[in-house]
């Protein structure tokens, strides 16, 4: 049984979820450039609900919705929401994102997503069926994600996402088809000499110059950089 993951202000139960608490989700939840004016937030493919919970801790948004297709993950997310200090602001929909997009008429000020990204059949074959649902791009393509986000995002809204570095240019190009433009870009390295593995991106409907940064997580194993500590210290117990 997977132990609950305890953060400073909330706890994530994850024994029913294929995708456990990981660095990607925490990075996105901590990094997203969210303003005080944001009143409504949506987390797509929420899993345990970690990013939505981080958004609740970081903002005063009155509506924080999440959508999750996988049944066990949905139930666990609801449990995590109900047990949090912000349960009156959090709600999870059990739905396919494409259907959700067609049925929801409201717009969101801010949308987040830690999307599925394993593309190869070899990677797919090695996974459990639940993990495939959580992490295989065949179930929610970048195109479908960005098309849906463009429909649900408010005119002045923002969309934040974390993806593999190898998909950076492709993702930005698809986003432009839907008039979504990258405003912030942070490339993530495990340590100084490591290759870039992940990239954090934030989009809006405003075509502004991209503000680019690099974030290095560790100086050496379990010795974290000041930048990473500053980013995550409001969440991790030992930061």
Protein backbone atom coordinates (compact mmCIF):
# COMPACT_ATOMS: atom_id res chain seq x y z
CA UNK A 1 0.00 0.00 0.00
CA UNK A 2 1.39 3.41 -0.98
CA UNK A 3 1.85 5.73 1.96
CA UNK A 4 0.11 9.11 1.97
CA UNK A 5 2.35 11.99 0.86
CA UNK A 6 2.24 14.75 3.43
CA UNK A 7 2.76 18.37 2.49
CA UNK A 8 2.81 21.34 4.87
CA UNK A 9 -0.88 22.17 4.51
CA UNK A 10 -2.47 19.03 3.00
CA UNK A 11 -2.03 15.28 2.55
CA UNK A 12 -2.24 13.25 -0.66
CA UNK A 13 -3.57 9.69 -0.44
CA UNK A 14 -2.35 7.87 -3.55
CA UNK A 15 -2.81 4.11 -3.06
CA UNK A 16 -5.59 3.99 -5.69
CA UNK A 17 -3.78 6.15 -8.27
CA UNK A 18 -1.56 4.82 -11.05
CA UNK A 19 0.46 8.03 -11.13
CA UNK A 20 1.91 8.90 -7.74
CA UNK A 21 3.05 12.25 -6.38
CA UNK A 22 6.11 13.26 -8.38
CA UNK A 23 8.41 16.16 -9.03
CA UNK A 24 6.62 17.19 -12.25
CA UNK A 25 3.31 17.91 -10.56
CA UNK A 26 4.92 19.75 -7.64
CA UNK A 27 7.03 21.84 -10.03
CA UNK A 28 3.98 22.89 -12.03
CA UNK A 29 1.86 23.64 -8.98
CA UNK A 30 4.59 25.77 -7.43
CA UNK A 31 5.81 27.47 -10.63
CA UNK A 32 2.53 28.50 -12.35
CA UNK A 33 2.35 32.30 -12.62
CA UNK A 34 -1.01 32.79 -10.94
CA UNK A 35 -2.28 36.29 -10.14
CA UNK A 36 -4.44 37.43 -7.24
CA UNK A 37 -7.21 38.30 -9.71
CA UNK A 38 -7.81 34.64 -10.61
CA UNK A 39 -11.26 33.49 -9.49
CA UNK A 40 -11.68 30.17 -11.34
CA UNK A 41 -9.15 27.38 -11.98
CA UNK A 42 -9.30 24.05 -13.83
CA UNK A 43 -6.80 21.18 -13.54
CA UNK A 44 -6.97 18.74 -16.47
CA UNK A 45 -6.20 15.06 -15.78
CA UNK A 46 -5.86 15.80 -12.09
CA UNK A 47 -4.91 12.32 -10.82
CA UNK A 48 -4.48 12.61 -7.04
CA UNK A 49 -5.57 16.25 -7.22
CA UNK A 50 -2.17 17.55 -6.16
CA UNK A 51 -1.95 20.49 -8.59
CA UNK A 52 -5.50 21.64 -7.83
CA UNK A 53 -4.68 21.48 -4.10
CA UNK A 54 -1.52 23.52 -4.64
CA UNK A 55 -3.57 26.08 -6.56
CA UNK A 56 -6.01 26.23 -3.64
CA UNK A 57 -3.14 26.88 -1.23
CA UNK A 58 -1.62 29.55 -3.46
CA UNK A 59 -4.76 31.46 -4.48
CA UNK A 60 -8.04 32.80 -3.22
CA UNK A 61 -9.94 31.46 -6.26
CA UNK A 62 -13.49 30.55 -5.27
CA UNK A 63 -13.87 27.88 -7.98
CA UNK A 64 -11.18 25.21 -8.35
CA UNK A 65 -12.37 22.40 -10.60
CA UNK A 66 -10.59 19.28 -11.76
CA UNK A 67 -11.38 16.64 -14.37
CA UNK A 68 -10.22 13.00 -14.26
CA UNK A 69 -11.23 10.10 -16.54
CA UNK A 70 -9.83 7.14 -14.56
CA UNK A 71 -12.31 5.88 -11.95
CA UNK A 72 -9.98 5.02 -9.07
CA UNK A 73 -8.00 8.23 -9.48
CA UNK A 74 -11.25 10.24 -9.53
CA UNK A 75 -12.42 8.66 -6.27
CA UNK A 76 -9.05 9.26 -4.63
CA UNK A 77 -9.00 12.87 -5.81
CA UNK A 78 -12.43 13.46 -4.29
CA UNK A 79 -11.15 11.99 -1.00
CA UNK A 80 -8.08 14.25 -1.07
CA UNK A 81 -10.23 17.30 -1.83
CA UNK A 82 -12.69 16.52 0.96
CA UNK A 83 -9.91 16.07 3.52
CA UNK A 84 -8.19 19.35 2.62
CA UNK A 85 -8.61 22.78 4.26
CA UNK A 86 -10.16 24.09 1.01
CA UNK A 87 -12.86 21.46 0.41
CA UNK A 88 -15.52 24.15 -0.10
CA UNK A 89 -13.64 25.46 -3.16
CA UNK A 90 -12.59 22.18 -4.81
CA UNK A 91 -14.66 19.94 -7.10
CA UNK A 92 -13.67 17.03 -9.32
CA UNK A 93 -15.58 15.89 -12.43
CA UNK A 94 -15.37 12.23 -13.50
CA UNK A 95 -15.24 12.75 -17.25
CA UNK A 96 -13.37 12.53 -20.51
CA UNK A 97 -11.79 15.94 -21.14
CA UNK A 98 -13.13 16.20 -24.71
CA UNK A 99 -16.69 15.60 -23.50
CA UNK A 100 -16.16 17.97 -20.57
CA UNK A 101 -15.12 20.72 -23.02
CA UNK A 102 -18.34 20.29 -25.00
CA UNK A 103 -20.59 20.34 -21.93
CA UNK A 104 -19.06 23.14 -19.82
CA UNK A 105 -20.21 26.64 -20.76
CA UNK A 106 -18.17 28.56 -18.18
CA UNK A 107 -14.68 29.92 -18.84
CA UNK A 108 -11.73 29.55 -16.48
CA UNK A 109 -9.23 32.25 -15.52
CA UNK A 110 -6.44 29.70 -15.14
CA UNK A 111 -5.95 26.15 -16.44
CA UNK A 112 -3.21 23.70 -15.44
CA UNK A 113 -2.22 20.30 -16.79
CA UNK A 114 0.49 17.72 -16.23
CA UNK A 115 -0.46 15.84 -19.40
CA UNK A 116 0.18 12.29 -20.59
CA UNK A 117 3.42 12.09 -22.50
CA UNK A 118 4.70 8.58 -23.19
CA UNK A 119 4.37 8.12 -26.93
CA UNK A 120 6.17 4.87 -27.76
CA UNK A 121 4.42 1.51 -27.88
CA UNK A 122 7.30 -0.05 -25.93
CA UNK A 123 6.67 2.30 -23.01
CA UNK A 124 2.93 1.66 -23.27
CA UNK A 125 3.33 -2.13 -23.21
CA UNK A 126 5.37 -2.03 -20.00
CA UNK A 127 2.65 -0.24 -18.02
CA UNK A 128 -0.45 -1.33 -16.14
CA UNK A 129 -3.74 -0.36 -17.80
CA UNK A 130 -4.43 2.39 -15.24
CA UNK A 131 -0.96 3.80 -15.67
CA UNK A 132 -1.46 3.77 -19.45
CA UNK A 133 -4.61 5.81 -19.01
CA UNK A 134 -2.71 8.29 -16.87
CA UNK A 135 0.41 8.53 -19.02
CA UNK A 136 -0.17 7.55 -22.67
CA UNK A 137 -0.68 10.33 -25.21
CA UNK A 138 -3.04 8.23 -27.33
CA UNK A 139 -5.80 9.00 -24.84
CA UNK A 140 -5.43 12.78 -24.85
CA UNK A 141 -3.24 14.24 -27.56
CA UNK A 142 -1.52 17.60 -27.29
CA UNK A 143 -3.84 18.75 -30.08
CA UNK A 144 -6.98 17.78 -28.16
CA UNK A 145 -5.65 19.30 -24.95
CA UNK A 146 -4.79 22.63 -26.54
CA UNK A 147 -8.01 22.80 -28.56
CA UNK A 148 -9.99 22.20 -25.37
CA UNK A 149 -7.99 24.72 -23.37
CA UNK A 150 -8.55 27.36 -26.06
CA UNK A 151 -12.32 26.87 -25.68
CA UNK A 152 -12.37 26.88 -21.88
CA UNK A 153 -9.88 29.67 -21.17
CA UNK A 154 -11.13 33.16 -20.40
CA UNK A 155 -9.97 35.96 -22.72
CA UNK A 156 -7.44 37.23 -20.16
CA UNK A 157 -6.72 33.75 -18.83
CA UNK A 158 -3.52 31.71 -18.58
CA UNK A 159 -2.66 28.04 -19.14
CA UNK A 160 0.33 26.37 -17.43
CA UNK A 161 1.72 22.95 -18.34
CA UNK A 162 4.78 20.73 -17.85
CA UNK A 163 5.96 18.52 -20.73
CA UNK A 164 9.08 16.67 -21.86
CA UNK A 165 11.71 18.99 -23.33
CA UNK A 166 11.70 17.01 -26.60
CA UNK A 167 8.08 18.10 -27.19
CA UNK A 168 8.63 21.81 -26.48
CA UNK A 169 8.66 23.14 -30.05
CA UNK A 170 5.83 20.86 -31.19
CA UNK A 171 3.63 21.91 -28.27
CA UNK A 172 4.25 25.64 -28.79
CA UNK A 173 3.52 25.28 -32.51
CA UNK A 174 0.22 23.46 -31.93
CA UNK A 175 -0.78 26.06 -29.32
CA UNK A 176 -0.32 28.86 -31.85
CA UNK A 177 -2.96 27.21 -34.07
CA UNK A 178 -5.43 28.01 -31.30
CA UNK A 179 -4.10 31.56 -30.71
CA UNK A 180 -2.36 30.45 -27.52
CA UNK A 181 1.10 31.99 -27.16
CA UNK A 182 3.90 30.98 -24.82
CA UNK A 183 4.73 33.84 -22.43
CA UNK A 184 6.90 31.98 -19.88
CA UNK A 185 9.28 29.07 -20.43
CA UNK A 186 11.44 27.39 -17.77
CA UNK A 187 13.67 24.47 -18.71
CA UNK A 188 14.32 21.94 -15.93
CA UNK A 189 17.58 20.10 -15.24
CA UNK A 190 18.12 17.48 -12.56
CA UNK A 191 21.63 18.86 -11.96
CA UNK A 192 23.95 21.33 -13.67
CA UNK A 193 25.58 18.86 -16.07
CA UNK A 194 22.39 16.94 -16.88
CA UNK A 195 20.42 17.45 -20.10
CA UNK A 196 17.12 19.34 -19.98
CA UNK A 197 14.37 16.77 -19.37
CA UNK A 198 11.26 18.84 -18.69
CA UNK A 199 9.96 22.27 -19.59
CA UNK A 200 7.38 24.43 -17.82
CA UNK A 201 5.31 26.58 -20.17
CA UNK A 202 2.65 29.22 -19.60
CA UNK A 203 0.36 30.45 -22.36
CA UNK A 204 -2.17 33.21 -22.90
CA UNK A 205 -4.01 34.73 -25.85
CA UNK A 206 -1.49 37.61 -25.80
CA UNK A 207 1.43 37.27 -28.21
CA UNK A 208 4.20 38.61 -25.95
CA UNK A 209 7.97 37.96 -25.93
CA UNK A 210 8.78 34.70 -24.17
CA UNK A 211 10.46 35.07 -20.76
CA UNK A 212 12.95 32.19 -20.59
CA UNK A 213 14.65 30.70 -17.53
CA UNK A 214 16.47 27.56 -16.41
CA UNK A 215 15.89 25.73 -13.13
CA UNK A 216 18.36 23.21 -11.71
CA UNK A 217 16.90 20.94 -9.02
CA UNK A 218 19.93 19.44 -7.26
CA UNK A 219 23.56 20.38 -6.60
CA UNK A 220 24.14 16.70 -5.81
CA UNK A 221 21.89 13.84 -4.70
CA UNK A 222 19.39 15.17 -2.09
CA UNK A 223 21.20 18.51 -1.87
CA UNK A 224 18.85 20.98 -3.50
CA UNK A 225 19.58 24.32 -5.16
CA UNK A 226 18.42 27.53 -3.51
CA UNK A 227 16.14 28.19 -6.51
CA UNK A 228 14.37 24.84 -6.14
CA UNK A 229 14.04 25.25 -2.38
CA UNK A 230 12.61 28.77 -2.78
CA UNK A 231 10.10 27.45 -5.33
CA UNK A 232 8.84 24.49 -3.29
CA UNK A 233 9.40 25.43 0.36
CA UNK A 234 5.74 26.37 0.96
CA UNK A 235 4.80 22.76 0.18
CA UNK A 236 7.46 20.17 1.03
CA UNK A 237 7.72 19.38 4.75
CA UNK A 238 11.52 19.27 4.77
CA UNK A 239 12.24 22.32 2.63
